[in-house]
């Protein structure tokens, strides 16, 4: 019984992070960058962990843990991009080598660029950005999934 409660908490965590992200986007008007979107997909995979509630074996819990941990890892990467610890994808970050580009090539690159940049922090709480919070919470959710495997 306690195992199922821990698994339900992990499911609720992933669902809560997804719903929170959608609320920031659709209610708060905060458009996501590409890395923000990348962090959402693994939580959808983590929701497959619901199979652990009805099917025996560790497989669904491991899928839930892997999904949450993957989102956490992307969150760490995104945090590093935001804090300029490393470069992000050229498709959503500032910078890049512009030398040797014609005016038309530069214009094409600008027009193809997404509206929201990955290397800017649009919101933070207690000194942590959304990407950082996603990383912390996602790793916690992954830990819940793994802890559920040890419970009877």
Protein backbone atom coordinates (compact mmCIF):
# COMPACT_ATOMS: atom_id res chain seq x y z
CA UNK A 1 0.00 0.00 0.00
CA UNK A 2 2.78 2.45 0.86
CA UNK A 3 4.49 1.56 -2.42
CA UNK A 4 1.44 2.66 -4.39
CA UNK A 5 1.24 5.91 -2.40
CA UNK A 6 4.85 6.73 -3.21
CA UNK A 7 4.22 5.93 -6.87
CA UNK A 8 1.10 8.11 -6.85
CA UNK A 9 3.18 10.94 -5.36
CA UNK A 10 5.73 10.52 -8.16
CA UNK A 11 2.98 10.55 -10.79
CA UNK A 12 1.42 13.63 -9.18
CA UNK A 13 4.83 15.31 -9.24
CA UNK A 14 5.33 14.83 -12.97
CA UNK A 15 1.74 15.78 -13.70
CA UNK A 16 2.06 18.84 -11.47
CA UNK A 17 5.22 20.01 -13.23
CA UNK A 18 3.55 19.60 -16.62
CA UNK A 19 0.41 21.42 -15.53
CA UNK A 20 2.50 24.16 -13.91
CA UNK A 21 4.47 24.68 -17.12
CA UNK A 22 1.25 24.84 -19.13
CA UNK A 23 -0.25 27.30 -16.64
CA UNK A 24 2.78 29.59 -16.94
CA UNK A 25 2.41 29.38 -20.71
CA UNK A 26 -1.33 29.69 -21.23
CA UNK A 27 -2.48 31.55 -18.12
CA UNK A 28 0.66 33.53 -17.34
CA UNK A 29 1.48 34.31 -20.97
CA UNK A 30 5.09 33.12 -20.62
CA UNK A 31 6.02 31.47 -23.90
CA UNK A 32 8.46 28.57 -23.49
CA UNK A 33 11.84 28.33 -25.20
CA UNK A 34 12.98 25.18 -27.00
CA UNK A 35 14.76 23.80 -23.92
CA UNK A 36 11.64 24.39 -21.84
CA UNK A 37 9.68 22.25 -24.26
CA UNK A 38 12.40 19.57 -24.19
CA UNK A 39 11.97 19.34 -20.39
CA UNK A 40 8.27 18.56 -20.74
CA UNK A 41 8.49 15.47 -22.95
CA UNK A 42 10.27 13.22 -20.43
CA UNK A 43 7.55 13.95 -17.87
CA UNK A 44 5.02 12.57 -20.33
CA UNK A 45 7.18 9.44 -20.46
CA UNK A 46 7.31 9.42 -16.65
CA UNK A 47 3.51 9.30 -16.59
CA UNK A 48 3.78 5.86 -18.19
CA UNK A 49 4.95 4.83 -14.74
CA UNK A 50 1.24 4.63 -13.91
CA UNK A 51 1.46 1.08 -15.21
CA UNK A 52 3.34 0.24 -12.02
CA UNK A 53 0.11 0.75 -10.09
CA UNK A 54 -1.59 -2.16 -11.81
CA UNK A 55 1.11 -4.38 -13.30
CA UNK A 56 3.76 -6.35 -11.41
CA UNK A 57 7.47 -5.90 -11.92
CA UNK A 58 9.81 -2.95 -11.74
CA UNK A 59 9.63 -1.89 -15.38
CA UNK A 60 7.04 0.86 -15.21
CA UNK A 61 8.60 2.38 -12.10
CA UNK A 62 11.96 2.38 -13.88
CA UNK A 63 10.35 4.11 -16.88
CA UNK A 64 8.91 6.73 -14.52
CA UNK A 65 12.30 7.23 -12.88
CA UNK A 66 14.09 7.47 -16.22
CA UNK A 67 11.61 10.01 -17.55
CA UNK A 68 11.84 12.23 -14.49
CA UNK A 69 15.65 11.96 -14.34
CA UNK A 70 15.92 12.83 -18.03
CA UNK A 71 13.85 15.97 -17.50
CA UNK A 72 16.08 16.82 -14.54
CA UNK A 73 19.20 16.41 -16.65
CA UNK A 74 17.78 18.68 -19.35
CA UNK A 75 16.91 21.16 -16.59
CA UNK A 76 20.54 21.15 -15.41
CA UNK A 77 21.69 21.72 -18.99
CA UNK A 78 19.16 24.55 -19.42
CA UNK A 79 20.28 26.12 -16.15
CA UNK A 80 23.86 26.09 -17.41
CA UNK A 81 22.78 27.81 -20.61
CA UNK A 82 20.86 30.44 -18.62
CA UNK A 83 23.82 31.09 -16.33
CA UNK A 84 26.29 31.16 -19.27
CA UNK A 85 28.23 28.19 -17.90
CA UNK A 86 28.15 26.69 -21.41
CA UNK A 87 26.64 27.45 -24.78
CA UNK A 88 23.14 26.34 -25.60
CA UNK A 89 21.73 25.26 -28.92
CA UNK A 90 22.41 27.88 -31.57
CA UNK A 91 18.73 27.79 -32.47
CA UNK A 92 17.67 29.43 -29.21
CA UNK A 93 20.68 31.18 -27.71
CA UNK A 94 22.43 34.44 -28.34
CA UNK A 95 25.83 34.62 -29.88
CA UNK A 96 27.36 32.58 -32.61
CA UNK A 97 29.82 33.55 -35.28
CA UNK A 98 28.31 36.12 -37.61
CA UNK A 99 31.46 36.86 -39.57
CA UNK A 100 31.30 35.90 -43.20
CA UNK A 101 27.50 36.04 -43.30
CA UNK A 102 25.80 38.07 -45.97
CA UNK A 103 23.06 40.49 -45.01
CA UNK A 104 20.49 38.12 -46.48
CA UNK A 105 21.87 35.14 -44.51
CA UNK A 106 21.82 37.19 -41.33
CA UNK A 107 18.24 38.29 -42.00
CA UNK A 108 17.22 34.68 -42.72
CA UNK A 109 18.78 33.56 -39.43
CA UNK A 110 17.01 36.31 -37.50
CA UNK A 111 13.66 35.54 -39.09
CA UNK A 112 14.04 31.81 -38.38
CA UNK A 113 15.06 32.36 -34.76
CA UNK A 114 12.50 31.55 -32.05
CA UNK A 115 10.92 34.40 -30.16
CA UNK A 116 12.00 33.09 -26.76
CA UNK A 117 15.70 32.67 -26.04
CA UNK A 118 17.00 29.78 -23.95
CA UNK A 119 19.82 31.80 -22.38
CA UNK A 120 17.60 34.27 -20.54
CA UNK A 121 15.91 33.68 -17.19
CA UNK A 122 12.30 34.84 -17.54
CA UNK A 123 11.23 33.88 -14.00
CA UNK A 124 12.93 32.83 -10.80
CA UNK A 125 12.07 32.12 -7.21
CA UNK A 126 14.58 31.98 -4.35
CA UNK A 127 17.38 32.51 -6.85
CA UNK A 128 16.45 29.50 -8.98
CA UNK A 129 15.02 29.67 -12.49
CA UNK A 130 12.18 27.51 -13.74
CA UNK A 131 14.74 25.21 -15.34
CA UNK A 132 16.57 24.89 -12.03
CA UNK A 133 13.37 24.14 -10.14
CA UNK A 134 12.44 21.56 -12.75
CA UNK A 135 15.82 19.88 -12.25
CA UNK A 136 15.51 19.77 -8.46
CA UNK A 137 11.93 18.55 -8.47
CA UNK A 138 12.47 16.07 -11.31
CA UNK A 139 15.38 14.42 -9.53
CA UNK A 140 13.20 14.22 -6.43
CA UNK A 141 10.45 12.54 -8.46
CA UNK A 142 12.97 10.09 -9.90
CA UNK A 143 14.09 9.30 -6.35
CA UNK A 144 10.48 8.58 -5.37
CA UNK A 145 10.14 6.13 -8.26
CA UNK A 146 13.34 4.37 -7.25
CA UNK A 147 12.37 4.34 -3.57
CA UNK A 148 9.06 2.73 -4.50
CA UNK A 149 10.95 -0.26 -5.85
CA UNK A 150 12.33 -0.98 -2.38
CA UNK A 151 8.92 -0.81 -0.68
CA UNK A 152 6.44 -3.65 -0.32
